[in-house]
Amino acid sequence: MPADTALLGIEEQQMTIPTAAAGGSLFNSLGGVIAGAYPDQRAVTRRPIRSNSCRAGSCEASFWRGTSRQEVQKILRAAQRYELEGKERGKRNGPLGGVALELLTLFANLVSFKTGRLDPSLDWITGKLKRSRDAVVRAMKALRDHGFLDWLRRFEPIRSEGRGPQVRQVSNAYRLSAPRRALALLGRWSGRPALPEDDGAARADTAAMEAEYVATLDLGAFASFQCGASPLGQALAEMGRAIDLRESVKRTES
């Protein structure tokens, strides 16, 4: 076949393909489906989710564990001793820092002894400690690097208009711990009992702090806080989130 004839055949094919696409029933049907999927011709904005995040309510059961006041106080004393022993001459802070000890004290007063639940939001923490977000994040990293804190990033699905699954990042799940090298610094005092249970001032502070935190929770988070990651807690949390969503829709319509 001559070269001119071959080029002419290609040009004719290129010219007839758009015509067939515009007039063919198959292409029209596909166009209708696509138009229905994208009614406003705009891509749905997806919320960024941090890497290694797990779905809230499905990952905490194996992460959280019950504890006691004595165990939590032991972790706190070990961190204080660790900070003191690791402080170099002429330095203001040790390996953890003052903000990290404040944060650990806050967590020690907030953790649920029964379930180990500990998941305050970063905004709540910064407001409670009166510290900047950056300072709190650095303190968390120091505690984790030295073995006193660990956490899970979490997300939860949300119901919103648009295509595809939509989720949002929620507060981390935290867990307190103490490395062996820090517990060894306590020596024979590592088994010393903590403050007595009838210590009125300590209990009042803890109760007030917990009440303030609970007041910031929605119905779903409150149900999870009370019942933990049990099947009952998950069911009540789903019910609470559904009620919150319904009330939010009502307020929007109003």
Protein backbone atom coordinates (compact mmCIF):
# COMPACT_ATOMS: atom_id res chain seq x y z
CA MET A 1 0.00 0.00 0.00
CA PRO A 2 1.41 3.44 -0.91
CA ALA A 3 2.48 5.65 1.95
CA ASP A 4 0.01 8.40 0.97
CA THR A 5 -2.87 5.95 1.02
CA ALA A 6 -1.84 4.61 4.42
CA LEU A 7 -1.65 8.13 5.91
CA LEU A 8 -5.02 8.98 4.40
CA GLY A 9 -6.54 5.88 6.05
CA ILE A 10 -5.17 6.91 9.45
CA GLU A 11 -6.49 10.45 9.11
CA GLU A 12 -9.92 9.13 8.18
CA GLN A 13 -9.92 6.88 11.26
CA GLN A 14 -8.92 9.77 13.49
CA MET A 15 -11.69 11.92 12.12
CA THR A 16 -14.40 9.27 12.39
CA ILE A 17 -13.70 8.17 15.98
CA PRO A 18 -15.04 11.41 17.60
CA THR A 19 -18.06 11.27 15.33
CA ALA A 20 -18.82 7.72 16.36
CA ALA A 21 -18.28 8.58 20.02
CA ALA A 22 -20.70 11.49 19.80
CA GLY A 23 -23.44 9.57 18.03
CA GLY A 24 -23.09 6.01 19.30
CA SER A 25 -25.62 4.74 21.82
CA LEU A 26 -22.92 3.01 23.85
CA PHE A 27 -20.99 6.23 24.34
CA ASN A 28 -24.18 8.11 25.17
CA SER A 29 -25.04 5.54 27.83
CA LEU A 30 -21.58 5.78 29.33
CA GLY A 31 -21.83 9.55 29.31
CA GLY A 32 -25.08 9.41 31.26
CA VAL A 33 -23.57 7.13 33.87
CA ILE A 34 -20.54 9.37 34.28
CA ALA A 35 -22.73 12.47 34.51
CA GLY A 36 -24.72 10.83 37.29
CA ALA A 37 -21.58 9.92 39.18
CA TYR A 38 -20.23 13.46 38.92
CA PRO A 39 -23.27 15.73 38.92
CA ASP A 40 -21.24 18.89 39.52
CA GLN A 41 -18.18 17.75 37.51
CA ARG A 42 -15.97 18.31 40.54
CA ALA A 43 -13.83 15.82 42.36
CA VAL A 44 -14.82 15.16 45.94
CA THR A 45 -12.36 16.60 48.43
CA ARG A 46 -10.81 13.81 50.44
CA ARG A 47 -9.65 14.37 53.99
CA PRO A 48 -5.99 13.47 54.52
CA ILE A 49 -5.41 10.52 56.83
CA ARG A 50 -2.10 9.90 58.55
CA SER A 51 -0.20 6.78 57.60
CA ASN A 52 -0.53 3.64 59.74
CA SER A 53 -3.93 4.75 61.04
CA CYS A 54 -6.47 2.16 62.15
CA ARG A 55 -10.22 2.42 62.40
CA ALA A 56 -11.39 3.68 65.79
CA GLY A 57 -13.21 0.99 67.74
CA SER A 58 -11.46 -1.92 66.04
CA CYS A 59 -7.85 -1.68 67.19
CA GLU A 60 -7.89 -0.55 70.83
CA ALA A 61 -8.86 -3.85 72.47
CA SER A 62 -5.38 -5.33 71.99
CA PHE A 63 -3.63 -2.01 72.66
CA TRP A 64 -5.21 -0.74 75.86
CA ARG A 65 -4.90 -2.78 79.02
CA GLY A 66 -6.26 -2.34 82.51
CA THR A 67 -3.96 -0.87 85.11
CA SER A 68 -4.04 0.47 88.67
CA ARG A 69 -3.28 3.66 90.51
CA GLN A 70 -0.15 2.08 91.97
CA GLU A 71 1.15 1.06 88.53
CA VAL A 72 0.50 4.47 87.01
CA GLN A 73 2.20 6.25 89.90
CA LYS A 74 5.18 3.91 89.52
CA ILE A 75 5.51 4.93 85.86
CA LEU A 76 5.33 8.59 86.84
CA ARG A 77 7.99 8.24 89.56
CA ALA A 78 10.24 6.28 87.19
CA ALA A 79 9.99 9.07 84.60
CA GLN A 80 10.81 11.72 87.18
CA ARG A 81 13.82 9.74 88.38
CA TYR A 82 14.91 9.05 84.80
CA GLU A 83 14.78 12.76 84.00
CA LEU A 84 16.84 13.62 87.08
CA GLU A 85 19.49 10.96 86.49
CA GLY A 86 19.86 11.84 82.83
CA LYS A 87 20.22 15.58 83.31
CA GLU A 88 23.68 16.83 82.43
CA ARG A 89 25.51 19.47 84.42
CA GLY A 90 24.60 22.95 83.22
CA LYS A 91 21.57 21.72 81.27
CA ARG A 92 18.07 22.92 82.06
CA ASN A 93 16.31 19.69 81.13
CA GLY A 94 17.11 16.02 81.03
CA PRO A 95 16.27 13.53 78.28
CA LEU A 96 12.50 14.04 78.67
CA GLY A 97 12.03 17.70 79.56
CA GLY A 98 9.64 19.54 81.81
CA VAL A 99 6.72 19.58 79.35
CA ALA A 100 6.99 15.80 78.94
CA LEU A 101 6.70 15.31 82.71
CA GLU A 102 3.68 17.64 82.78
CA LEU A 103 2.09 15.65 79.98
CA LEU A 104 2.81 12.33 81.69
CA THR A 105 1.28 13.64 84.93
CA LEU A 106 -1.82 14.72 83.02
CA PHE A 107 -2.14 11.28 81.41
CA ALA A 108 -1.61 9.57 84.77
CA ASN A 109 -4.60 11.46 86.18
CA LEU A 110 -6.77 10.83 83.12
CA VAL A 111 -6.21 7.17 82.21
CA SER A 112 -9.04 4.74 82.99
CA PHE A 113 -7.69 2.15 85.43
CA LYS A 114 -10.38 -0.36 84.47
CA THR A 115 -9.88 -0.37 80.69
CA GLY A 116 -6.68 1.60 80.15
CA ARG A 117 -8.58 3.98 77.88
CA LEU A 118 -6.63 7.15 77.17
CA ASP A 119 -7.46 9.19 74.06
CA PRO A 120 -7.68 12.95 74.69
CA SER A 121 -7.40 15.20 71.66
CA LEU A 122 -4.30 17.26 71.02
CA ASP A 123 -6.30 20.48 71.25
CA TRP A 124 -7.63 19.47 74.67
CA ILE A 125 -4.12 18.62 75.88
CA THR A 126 -2.64 21.92 74.75
CA GLY A 127 -5.49 23.83 76.38
CA LYS A 128 -5.11 21.94 79.65
CA LEU A 129 -1.32 22.30 79.85
CA LYS A 130 -1.31 25.86 78.49
CA ARG A 131 1.46 24.79 76.11
CA SER A 132 1.90 25.27 72.39
CA ARG A 133 1.01 22.49 70.00
CA ASP A 134 4.62 22.14 68.92
CA ALA A 135 5.84 21.82 72.52
CA VAL A 136 3.29 19.08 73.26
CA VAL A 137 4.18 17.16 70.10
CA ARG A 138 7.89 17.29 70.98
CA ALA A 139 7.10 16.10 74.51
CA MET A 140 5.11 13.15 73.15
CA LYS A 141 7.97 12.19 70.88
CA ALA A 142 10.46 12.34 73.74
CA LEU A 143 8.25 10.13 75.91
CA ARG A 144 7.84 7.60 73.11
CA ASP A 145 11.54 7.59 72.19
CA HIS A 146 12.46 6.79 75.80
CA GLY A 147 9.75 4.15 76.31
CA PHE A 148 7.20 5.95 78.50
CA LEU A 149 4.42 6.43 75.95
CA ASP A 150 3.03 4.74 72.87
CA TRP A 151 0.05 5.53 70.66
CA LEU A 152 -2.10 4.40 67.77
CA ARG A 153 -3.29 6.79 65.07
CA ARG A 154 -7.00 6.36 64.39
CA PHE A 155 -9.66 7.37 61.90
CA GLU A 156 -13.40 6.96 61.63
CA PRO A 157 -15.81 7.03 58.67
CA ILE A 158 -18.15 9.97 58.25
CA ARG A 159 -21.36 10.33 56.32
CA SER A 160 -21.14 13.08 53.79
CA GLU A 161 -22.33 13.83 50.28
CA GLY A 162 -20.05 12.75 47.48
CA ARG A 163 -18.60 9.61 46.03
CA GLY A 164 -16.27 7.12 47.64
CA PRO A 165 -15.56 6.39 51.29
CA GLN A 166 -14.89 9.46 53.39
CA VAL A 167 -13.10 9.36 56.71
CA ARG A 168 -11.62 11.76 59.22
CA GLN A 169 -8.70 11.60 61.61
CA VAL A 170 -9.63 11.34 65.28
CA SER A 171 -7.58 11.52 68.46
CA ASN A 172 -4.82 8.98 69.07
CA ALA A 173 -5.13 6.10 71.49
CA TYR A 174 -2.34 6.40 74.09
CA ARG A 175 -0.76 3.85 76.42
CA LEU A 176 1.58 4.49 79.35
CA SER A 177 4.59 2.31 80.10
CA ALA A 178 7.99 2.43 81.77
CA PRO A 179 11.25 0.96 80.43
CA ARG A 180 13.21 -1.40 82.63
CA ARG A 181 16.17 0.95 82.86
CA ALA A 182 13.88 3.59 84.38
CA LEU A 183 12.23 1.18 86.82
CA ALA A 184 15.68 0.02 87.90
CA LEU A 185 16.44 3.56 89.06
CA LEU A 186 13.69 3.26 91.69
CA GLY A 187 15.50 0.37 93.38
CA ARG A 188 13.63 -1.00 96.35
CA TRP A 189 11.16 1.88 96.06
CA SER A 190 9.79 0.50 92.80
CA GLY A 191 7.21 -1.44 94.77
CA ARG A 192 6.31 1.35 97.17
CA PRO A 193 2.56 1.96 97.27
CA ALA A 194 1.22 5.10 95.73
CA LEU A 195 -0.82 7.77 97.45
CA PRO A 196 -3.67 6.36 99.57
CA GLU A 197 -7.05 5.99 97.93
CA ASP A 198 -8.60 8.39 100.45
CA ASP A 199 -6.32 11.22 99.41
CA GLY A 200 -9.10 13.75 98.93
CA ALA A 201 -7.18 16.40 97.04
CA ALA A 202 -5.75 14.00 94.47
CA ARG A 203 -9.07 12.29 93.90
CA ALA A 204 -10.88 15.63 93.55
CA ASP A 205 -8.38 16.83 90.96
CA THR A 206 -8.69 13.61 89.01
CA ALA A 207 -12.50 13.72 89.11
CA ALA A 208 -12.58 17.35 87.97
CA MET A 209 -10.15 16.68 85.14
CA GLU A 210 -12.13 13.66 83.97
CA ALA A 211 -15.40 15.59 84.11
CA GLU A 212 -13.89 18.38 82.04
CA TYR A 213 -12.67 15.89 79.46
CA VAL A 214 -15.97 14.00 79.31
CA ALA A 215 -17.80 17.29 78.74
CA THR A 216 -15.94 17.68 75.44
CA LEU A 217 -17.05 14.28 74.07
CA ASP A 218 -19.94 13.68 71.71
CA LEU A 219 -22.41 10.86 72.33
CA GLY A 220 -20.40 8.27 70.41
CA ALA A 221 -17.12 9.06 72.14
CA PHE A 222 -18.85 9.20 75.54
CA ALA A 223 -20.29 5.69 75.05
CA SER A 224 -16.84 4.39 74.11
CA PHE A 225 -15.31 6.13 77.13
CA GLN A 226 -17.75 4.47 79.50
CA CYS A 227 -17.80 0.97 78.00
CA GLY A 228 -14.41 0.72 76.29
CA ALA A 229 -13.86 -1.30 73.12
CA SER A 230 -16.30 -4.05 74.09
CA PRO A 231 -19.11 -5.08 71.68
CA LEU A 232 -21.59 -3.18 73.84
CA GLY A 233 -19.38 -0.08 73.79
CA GLN A 234 -19.03 -0.24 70.01
CA ALA A 235 -22.79 -0.64 69.54
CA LEU A 236 -23.56 2.30 71.83
CA ALA A 237 -20.89 4.37 70.10
CA GLU A 238 -22.47 3.71 66.69
CA MET A 239 -25.87 4.65 68.09
CA GLY A 240 -24.45 7.83 69.59
CA ARG A 241 -22.80 8.84 66.34
CA ALA A 242 -26.06 8.26 64.48
CA ILE A 243 -27.91 10.52 66.93
CA ASP A 244 -25.23 13.21 66.63
CA LEU A 245 -25.47 13.02 62.84
CA ARG A 246 -29.26 13.34 62.92
CA GLU A 247 -29.12 16.35 65.23
CA SER A 248 -26.43 17.93 63.04
CA VAL A 249 -28.64 17.53 59.97
CA LYS A 250 -31.57 19.09 61.82
CA ARG A 251 -29.49 22.10 62.82
CA THR A 252 -28.23 22.50 59.26
CA GLU A 253 -31.75 22.38 57.82
CA SER A 254 -32.92 24.95 60.35
